[in-house]
Amino acid sequence: MENIITMNQIHKSYKVGSDTLDVLKYISLDVESGEYLAVLGPSGSGKSTLMNIIGCMDSFQDGEYFLTGQPVHQMNDAQLTHLRNQQIGFIFQKYHLIQKYDVLQNTMLPLLIRGETRKKAEALSMEKLEMLEMDKRIHHKPNELSGGQQQRVAIARALVGKPKLLLADEPTGALDSATGKEVLKLFSQLNEMGNTIVMITHDLHVASHAKRVINIVDGELFEDEAAQ
């Protein structure tokens, strides 16, 4: 099985006045194609920084990072933007839908940015919205949807470009318990369909839905645990 993510000795620090704060301490991580991994850690553990590095949204001082075999650590900003758009589907706690756009427009956006024709973008978007049972609400704006419905649209948007990696940041954090369970069930179904998922969370119960769990504490990764 090929590695989607290969990280070798990644180190990230920030200057705070005259002090240096080590956020990630020479961590290494491999994620294979088809895995469902949860990165579990409390606030301040470094998990958000790790997520931003995995998502090619943040830099690091030392180490190597290969995403789908491509050397992230050697790329400039334009190359990183292209890689993000082509290879990663993002799912955020707050959905990050554009309020003035309807469901279909929000879902099409990554494809239009890629340069796909509007006709093809619409067809591919409808396919994902039907799969996620949101095809009856394509002309609704985000503020006309429930939290669970907005997250389904966000998942459709993440999937529409057929990314190699789905990166989810606290995907149930803004949802009530019942809706959160529905979204986690959906994640399991997506993984069974072959999608590689890395989920960042502070919640042990949420993490337990993944097939593999890694703990991050004070910028260090601890031995994997099998998810229950």
C-alpha atoms as a PDB file:
ATOM      1  CA  MET A   1       0.000   0.000   0.000  1.00  0.00           C
ATOM      2  CA  GLU A   2       1.384   3.425  -0.930  1.00  0.00           C
ATOM      3  CA  ASN A   3       1.923   6.152   1.633  1.00  0.00           C
ATOM      4  CA  ILE A   4      -0.266   9.226   1.245  1.00  0.00           C
ATOM      5  CA  ILE A   5       1.708  10.977   4.001  1.00  0.00           C
ATOM      6  CA  THR A   6       5.369  10.490   4.891  1.00  0.00           C
ATOM      7  CA  MET A   7       6.785  12.834   7.520  1.00  0.00           C
ATOM      8  CA  ASN A   8      10.365  12.507   8.703  1.00  0.00           C
ATOM      9  CA  GLN A   9      11.631  14.443  11.745  1.00  0.00           C
ATOM     10  CA  ILE A  10       9.358  17.469  11.342  1.00  0.00           C
ATOM     11  CA  HIS A  11      10.258  20.321  13.675  1.00  0.00           C
ATOM     12  CA  LYS A  12       8.254  23.517  14.076  1.00  0.00           C
ATOM     13  CA  SER A  13       8.936  26.360  16.484  1.00  0.00           C
ATOM     14  CA  TYR A  14       7.831  29.954  17.036  1.00  0.00           C
ATOM     15  CA  LYS A  15       9.678  32.918  18.460  1.00  0.00           C
ATOM     16  CA  VAL A  16       7.887  34.391  21.488  1.00  0.00           C
ATOM     17  CA  GLY A  17       9.841  37.466  22.468  1.00  0.00           C
ATOM     18  CA  SER A  18      13.341  36.264  23.230  1.00  0.00           C
ATOM     19  CA  ASP A  19      12.146  32.686  23.781  1.00  0.00           C
ATOM     20  CA  THR A  20      11.652  29.855  21.300  1.00  0.00           C
ATOM     21  CA  LEU A  21       8.510  27.738  21.617  1.00  0.00           C
ATOM     22  CA  ASP A  22       8.856  24.237  20.166  1.00  0.00           C
ATOM     23  CA  VAL A  23       5.417  23.279  18.839  1.00  0.00           C
ATOM     24  CA  LEU A  24       6.322  20.053  16.994  1.00  0.00           C
ATOM     25  CA  LYS A  25       9.393  18.196  18.232  1.00  0.00           C
ATOM     26  CA  TYR A  26      10.964  16.174  15.414  1.00  0.00           C
ATOM     27  CA  ILE A  27       7.936  14.015  14.711  1.00  0.00           C
ATOM     28  CA  SER A  28       7.638  11.288  12.095  1.00  0.00           C
ATOM     29  CA  LEU A  29       4.373   9.950  10.691  1.00  0.00           C
ATOM     30  CA  ASP A  30       3.294   7.613   7.893  1.00  0.00           C
ATOM     31  CA  VAL A  31      -0.295   7.340   6.650  1.00  0.00           C
ATOM     32  CA  GLU A  32      -1.102   4.699   4.055  1.00  0.00           C
ATOM     33  CA  SER A  33      -3.685   4.977   1.297  1.00  0.00           C
ATOM     34  CA  GLY A  34      -7.098   3.929   2.618  1.00  0.00           C
ATOM     35  CA  GLU A  35      -6.327   4.582   6.292  1.00  0.00           C
ATOM     36  CA  TYR A  36      -8.671   6.315   8.713  1.00  0.00           C
ATOM     37  CA  LEU A  37      -6.442   8.030  11.282  1.00  0.00           C
ATOM     38  CA  ALA A  38      -7.389  10.218  14.227  1.00  0.00           C
ATOM     39  CA  VAL A  39      -4.823  12.583  15.739  1.00  0.00           C
ATOM     40  CA  LEU A  40      -5.954  13.031  19.340  1.00  0.00           C
ATOM     41  CA  GLY A  41      -4.689  15.774  21.606  1.00  0.00           C
ATOM     42  CA  PRO A  42      -5.729  18.499  24.045  1.00  0.00           C
ATOM     43  CA  SER A  43      -5.667  22.214  23.309  1.00  0.00           C
ATOM     44  CA  GLY A  44      -2.097  23.439  22.957  1.00  0.00           C
ATOM     45  CA  SER A  45      -0.715  19.998  22.128  1.00  0.00           C
ATOM     46  CA  GLY A  46       0.389  20.943  18.607  1.00  0.00           C
ATOM     47  CA  LYS A  47      -2.412  19.149  16.769  1.00  0.00           C
ATOM     48  CA  SER A  48      -3.628  22.277  14.935  1.00  0.00           C
ATOM     49  CA  THR A  49      -0.081  23.033  13.791  1.00  0.00           C
ATOM     50  CA  LEU A  50       0.300  19.433  12.628  1.00  0.00           C
ATOM     51  CA  MET A  51      -2.991  19.699  10.730  1.00  0.00           C
ATOM     52  CA  ASN A  52      -1.851  22.921   9.041  1.00  0.00           C
ATOM     53  CA  ILE A  53       1.413  21.288   7.985  1.00  0.00           C
ATOM     54  CA  ILE A  54      -0.361  18.180   6.692  1.00  0.00           C
ATOM     55  CA  GLY A  55      -2.696  20.515   4.772  1.00  0.00           C
ATOM     56  CA  CYS A  56       0.252  22.425   3.259  1.00  0.00           C
ATOM     57  CA  MET A  57      -0.927  25.601   4.981  1.00  0.00           C
ATOM     58  CA  ASP A  58       2.036  26.082   7.315  1.00  0.00           C
ATOM     59  CA  SER A  59       5.813  25.790   7.001  1.00  0.00           C
ATOM     60  CA  PHE A  60       8.320  24.046   9.264  1.00  0.00           C
ATOM     61  CA  GLN A  61      12.001  24.542  10.036  1.00  0.00           C
ATOM     62  CA  ASP A  62      13.386  21.002   9.796  1.00  0.00           C
ATOM     63  CA  GLY A  63      12.451  17.646   8.345  1.00  0.00           C
ATOM     64  CA  GLU A  64      10.891  16.212   5.203  1.00  0.00           C
ATOM     65  CA  TYR A  65       7.228  15.920   4.225  1.00  0.00           C
ATOM     66  CA  PHE A  66       6.045  13.944   1.223  1.00  0.00           C
ATOM     67  CA  LEU A  67       2.349  14.102   0.251  1.00  0.00           C
ATOM     68  CA  THR A  68       1.405  11.470  -2.338  1.00  0.00           C
ATOM     69  CA  GLY A  69       5.145  11.155  -2.963  1.00  0.00           C
ATOM     70  CA  GLN A  70       5.622  14.856  -3.688  1.00  0.00           C
ATOM     71  CA  PRO A  71       8.236  16.773  -1.632  1.00  0.00           C
ATOM     72  CA  VAL A  72       6.229  19.419   0.208  1.00  0.00           C
ATOM     73  CA  HIS A  73       9.359  20.696   1.962  1.00  0.00           C
ATOM     74  CA  GLN A  74      10.834  21.743  -1.397  1.00  0.00           C
ATOM     75  CA  MET A  75       7.778  23.570  -2.756  1.00  0.00           C
ATOM     76  CA  ASN A  76       7.066  27.290  -3.121  1.00  0.00           C
ATOM     77  CA  ASP A  77       3.716  28.919  -2.292  1.00  0.00           C
ATOM     78  CA  ALA A  78       2.273  28.490  -5.791  1.00  0.00           C
ATOM     79  CA  GLN A  79       3.186  24.806  -5.857  1.00  0.00           C
ATOM     80  CA  LEU A  80       1.690  24.289  -2.388  1.00  0.00           C
ATOM     81  CA  THR A  81      -1.564  25.962  -3.451  1.00  0.00           C
ATOM     82  CA  HIS A  82      -1.764  23.681  -6.491  1.00  0.00           C
ATOM     83  CA  LEU A  83      -1.028  20.593  -4.372  1.00  0.00           C
ATOM     84  CA  ARG A  84      -3.725  21.523  -1.820  1.00  0.00           C
ATOM     85  CA  ASN A  85      -6.328  21.998  -4.537  1.00  0.00           C
ATOM     86  CA  GLN A  86      -5.461  18.766  -6.335  1.00  0.00           C
ATOM     87  CA  GLN A  87      -4.786  16.346  -3.490  1.00  0.00           C
ATOM     88  CA  ILE A  88      -6.565  17.449  -0.278  1.00  0.00           C
ATOM     89  CA  GLY A  89     -10.225  17.796   0.625  1.00  0.00           C
ATOM     90  CA  PHE A  90     -10.720  19.940   3.732  1.00  0.00           C
ATOM     91  CA  ILE A  91     -13.571  19.533   6.236  1.00  0.00           C
ATOM     92  CA  PHE A  92     -13.691  22.171   8.972  1.00  0.00           C
ATOM     93  CA  GLN A  93     -15.481  22.482  12.304  1.00  0.00           C
ATOM     94  CA  LYS A  94     -17.234  25.684  11.194  1.00  0.00           C
ATOM     95  CA  TYR A  95     -17.931  24.365   7.646  1.00  0.00           C
ATOM     96  CA  HIS A  96     -16.352  27.420   5.920  1.00  0.00           C
ATOM     97  CA  LEU A  97     -19.160  27.656   3.374  1.00  0.00           C
ATOM     98  CA  ILE A  98     -19.535  30.930   1.480  1.00  0.00           C
ATOM     99  CA  GLN A  99     -22.751  32.510   2.700  1.00  0.00           C
ATOM    100  CA  LYS A 100     -23.709  34.287  -0.543  1.00  0.00           C
ATOM    101  CA  TYR A 101     -23.424  31.046  -2.557  1.00  0.00           C
ATOM    102  CA  ASP A 102     -26.007  28.280  -2.581  1.00  0.00           C
ATOM    103  CA  VAL A 103     -25.275  24.590  -1.923  1.00  0.00           C
ATOM    104  CA  LEU A 104     -24.443  23.772  -5.538  1.00  0.00           C
ATOM    105  CA  GLN A 105     -22.200  26.816  -5.996  1.00  0.00           C
ATOM    106  CA  ASN A 106     -20.289  26.048  -2.787  1.00  0.00           C
ATOM    107  CA  THR A 107     -19.734  22.456  -3.888  1.00  0.00           C
ATOM    108  CA  MET A 108     -18.581  23.428  -7.384  1.00  0.00           C
ATOM    109  CA  LEU A 109     -16.045  25.973  -6.186  1.00  0.00           C
ATOM    110  CA  PRO A 110     -12.905  23.745  -5.930  1.00  0.00           C
ATOM    111  CA  LEU A 111     -13.495  22.468  -9.477  1.00  0.00           C
ATOM    112  CA  LEU A 112     -14.003  25.950 -10.906  1.00  0.00           C
ATOM    113  CA  ILE A 113     -10.775  27.060  -9.216  1.00  0.00           C
ATOM    114  CA  ARG A 114      -9.070  24.137 -10.957  1.00  0.00           C
ATOM    115  CA  GLY A 115     -10.340  25.385 -14.288  1.00  0.00           C
ATOM    116  CA  GLU A 116     -13.034  22.777 -14.939  1.00  0.00           C
ATOM    117  CA  THR A 117     -15.935  23.787 -17.157  1.00  0.00           C
ATOM    118  CA  ARG A 118     -19.097  24.860 -15.360  1.00  0.00           C
ATOM    119  CA  LYS A 119     -21.010  21.963 -16.952  1.00  0.00           C
ATOM    120  CA  LYS A 120     -18.554  19.339 -15.695  1.00  0.00           C
ATOM    121  CA  ALA A 121     -18.264  20.986 -12.267  1.00  0.00           C
ATOM    122  CA  GLU A 122     -22.043  20.966 -11.905  1.00  0.00           C
ATOM    123  CA  ALA A 123     -22.352  17.305 -12.949  1.00  0.00           C
ATOM    124  CA  LEU A 124     -19.630  16.156 -10.539  1.00  0.00           C
ATOM    125  CA  SER A 125     -21.070  18.269  -7.727  1.00  0.00           C
ATOM    126  CA  MET A 126     -24.565  16.874  -8.211  1.00  0.00           C
ATOM    127  CA  GLU A 127     -23.141  13.363  -8.034  1.00  0.00           C
ATOM    128  CA  LYS A 128     -21.624  14.038  -4.591  1.00  0.00           C
ATOM    129  CA  LEU A 129     -24.646  15.972  -3.327  1.00  0.00           C
ATOM    130  CA  GLU A 130     -26.915  13.076  -4.294  1.00  0.00           C
ATOM    131  CA  MET A 131     -24.610  10.647  -2.473  1.00  0.00           C
ATOM    132  CA  LEU A 132     -24.846  12.843   0.636  1.00  0.00           C
ATOM    133  CA  GLU A 133     -28.622  13.327   0.281  1.00  0.00           C
ATOM    134  CA  MET A 134     -28.334  17.081  -0.263  1.00  0.00           C
ATOM    135  CA  ASP A 135     -29.456  17.181  -3.912  1.00  0.00           C
ATOM    136  CA  LYS A 136     -32.924  18.449  -2.939  1.00  0.00           C
ATOM    137  CA  ARG A 137     -31.419  21.555  -1.362  1.00  0.00           C
ATOM    138  CA  ILE A 138     -28.993  22.710  -4.039  1.00  0.00           C
ATOM    139  CA  HIS A 139     -30.453  26.231  -4.217  1.00  0.00           C
ATOM    140  CA  HIS A 140     -30.481  26.792  -0.436  1.00  0.00           C
ATOM    141  CA  LYS A 141     -27.965  29.169   1.118  1.00  0.00           C
ATOM    142  CA  PRO A 142     -25.928  27.960   4.139  1.00  0.00           C
ATOM    143  CA  ASN A 143     -28.012  30.009   6.599  1.00  0.00           C
ATOM    144  CA  GLU A 144     -31.084  28.057   5.422  1.00  0.00           C
ATOM    145  CA  LEU A 145     -29.542  24.727   6.461  1.00  0.00           C
ATOM    146  CA  SER A 146     -29.040  22.939   9.771  1.00  0.00           C
ATOM    147  CA  GLY A 147     -25.509  22.366  11.089  1.00  0.00           C
ATOM    148  CA  GLY A 148     -25.582  18.749   9.950  1.00  0.00           C
ATOM    149  CA  GLN A 149     -26.732  19.740   6.483  1.00  0.00           C
ATOM    150  CA  GLN A 150     -23.993  22.366   6.217  1.00  0.00           C
ATOM    151  CA  GLN A 151     -21.400  19.766   7.176  1.00  0.00           C
ATOM    152  CA  ARG A 152     -22.739  17.420   4.483  1.00  0.00           C
ATOM    153  CA  VAL A 153     -22.287  20.197   1.928  1.00  0.00           C
ATOM    154  CA  ALA A 154     -18.753  20.772   3.238  1.00  0.00           C
ATOM    155  CA  ILE A 155     -18.036  17.043   2.840  1.00  0.00           C
ATOM    156  CA  ALA A 156     -19.444  17.090  -0.706  1.00  0.00           C
ATOM    157  CA  ARG A 157     -17.185  20.049  -1.500  1.00  0.00           C
ATOM    158  CA  ALA A 158     -14.205  18.170  -0.044  1.00  0.00           C
ATOM    159  CA  LEU A 159     -14.963  15.058  -2.110  1.00  0.00           C
ATOM    160  CA  VAL A 160     -15.827  16.655  -5.429  1.00  0.00           C
ATOM    161  CA  GLY A 161     -12.248  16.964  -6.659  1.00  0.00           C
ATOM    162  CA  LYS A 162     -11.497  13.301  -5.861  1.00  0.00           C
ATOM    163  CA  PRO A 163      -8.645  14.152  -3.471  1.00  0.00           C
ATOM    164  CA  LYS A 164      -6.165  11.564  -2.244  1.00  0.00           C
ATOM    165  CA  LEU A 165      -6.639  12.807   1.344  1.00  0.00           C
ATOM    166  CA  LEU A 166      -9.601  14.032   3.380  1.00  0.00           C
ATOM    167  CA  LEU A 167      -8.381  16.251   6.226  1.00  0.00           C
ATOM    168  CA  ALA A 168     -11.004  16.885   8.900  1.00  0.00           C
ATOM    169  CA  ASP A 169     -10.565  19.405  11.723  1.00  0.00           C
ATOM    170  CA  GLU A 170     -12.916  18.706  14.660  1.00  0.00           C
ATOM    171  CA  PRO A 171     -15.663  17.790  12.132  1.00  0.00           C
ATOM    172  CA  THR A 172     -18.355  17.273  14.790  1.00  0.00           C
ATOM    173  CA  GLY A 173     -17.291  20.123  17.078  1.00  0.00           C
ATOM    174  CA  ALA A 174     -20.141  22.456  16.111  1.00  0.00           C
ATOM    175  CA  LEU A 175     -22.819  19.745  16.002  1.00  0.00           C
ATOM    176  CA  ASP A 176     -25.193  18.311  18.593  1.00  0.00           C
ATOM    177  CA  SER A 177     -24.585  14.742  19.734  1.00  0.00           C
ATOM    178  CA  ALA A 178     -27.087  13.027  17.424  1.00  0.00           C
ATOM    179  CA  THR A 179     -25.948  14.934  14.326  1.00  0.00           C
ATOM    180  CA  GLY A 180     -22.316  14.309  15.272  1.00  0.00           C
ATOM    181  CA  LYS A 181     -23.002  10.568  15.296  1.00  0.00           C
ATOM    182  CA  GLU A 182     -24.488  10.819  11.803  1.00  0.00           C
ATOM    183  CA  VAL A 183     -21.397  12.614  10.495  1.00  0.00           C
ATOM    184  CA  LEU A 184     -19.052  10.066  12.090  1.00  0.00           C
ATOM    185  CA  LYS A 185     -21.072   7.249  10.543  1.00  0.00           C
ATOM    186  CA  LEU A 186     -20.705   9.018   7.208  1.00  0.00           C
ATOM    187  CA  PHE A 187     -16.925   9.239   7.699  1.00  0.00           C
ATOM    188  CA  SER A 188     -16.784   5.477   8.283  1.00  0.00           C
ATOM    189  CA  GLN A 189     -18.769   4.901   5.091  1.00  0.00           C
ATOM    190  CA  LEU A 190     -16.444   7.196   3.137  1.00  0.00           C
ATOM    191  CA  ASN A 191     -13.445   5.278   4.451  1.00  0.00           C
ATOM    192  CA  GLU A 192     -15.054   1.970   3.464  1.00  0.00           C
ATOM    193  CA  MET A 193     -15.380   3.412  -0.045  1.00  0.00           C
ATOM    194  CA  GLY A 194     -11.592   3.809  -0.099  1.00  0.00           C
ATOM    195  CA  ASN A 195     -11.117   7.404   1.064  1.00  0.00           C
ATOM    196  CA  THR A 196      -8.044   8.170   3.181  1.00  0.00           C
ATOM    197  CA  ILE A 197      -9.054  10.259   6.197  1.00  0.00           C
ATOM    198  CA  VAL A 198      -6.985  12.120   8.783  1.00  0.00           C
ATOM    199  CA  MET A 199      -9.169  13.573  11.526  1.00  0.00           C
ATOM    200  CA  ILE A 200      -7.912  16.045  14.136  1.00  0.00           C
ATOM    201  CA  THR A 201      -9.806  15.994  17.431  1.00  0.00           C
ATOM    202  CA  HIS A 202      -9.568  16.594  21.176  1.00  0.00           C
ATOM    203  CA  ASP A 203     -12.441  14.167  21.843  1.00  0.00           C
ATOM    204  CA  LEU A 204     -11.568  10.557  22.704  1.00  0.00           C
ATOM    205  CA  HIS A 205     -15.055   9.364  21.756  1.00  0.00           C
ATOM    206  CA  VAL A 206     -14.791  10.959  18.309  1.00  0.00           C
ATOM    207  CA  ALA A 207     -11.281   9.554  17.835  1.00  0.00           C
ATOM    208  CA  SER A 208     -12.488   6.049  18.697  1.00  0.00           C
ATOM    209  CA  HIS A 209     -14.453   5.946  15.413  1.00  0.00           C
ATOM    210  CA  ALA A 210     -11.195   5.949  13.452  1.00  0.00           C
ATOM    211  CA  LYS A 211      -9.316   2.736  12.697  1.00  0.00           C
ATOM    212  CA  ARG A 212      -6.041   4.092  14.080  1.00  0.00           C
ATOM    213  CA  VAL A 213      -5.388   6.697  16.761  1.00  0.00           C
ATOM    214  CA  ILE A 214      -2.217   8.705  17.433  1.00  0.00           C
ATOM    215  CA  ASN A 215      -1.847  10.841  20.530  1.00  0.00           C
ATOM    216  CA  ILE A 216      -0.082  14.185  20.379  1.00  0.00           C
ATOM    217  CA  VAL A 217       1.043  15.799  23.634  1.00  0.00           C
ATOM    218  CA  ASP A 218       3.389  18.771  23.944  1.00  0.00           C
ATOM    219  CA  GLY A 219       4.429  18.490  20.305  1.00  0.00           C
ATOM    220  CA  GLU A 220       5.329  14.804  20.434  1.00  0.00           C
ATOM    221  CA  LEU A 221       3.542  11.849  18.837  1.00  0.00           C
ATOM    222  CA  PHE A 222       2.996   8.804  20.978  1.00  0.00           C
ATOM    223  CA  GLU A 223       2.700   5.204  19.938  1.00  0.00           C
ATOM    224  CA  ASP A 224      -0.340   4.373  17.868  1.00  0.00           C
ATOM    225  CA  GLU A 225      -3.270   2.757  19.567  1.00  0.00           C
ATOM    226  CA  ALA A 226      -5.833   0.576  17.838  1.00  0.00           C
ATOM    227  CA  ALA A 227      -9.167   2.397  17.870  1.00  0.00           C
ATOM    228  CA  GLN A 228     -11.928   0.554  19.646  1.00  0.00           C
END
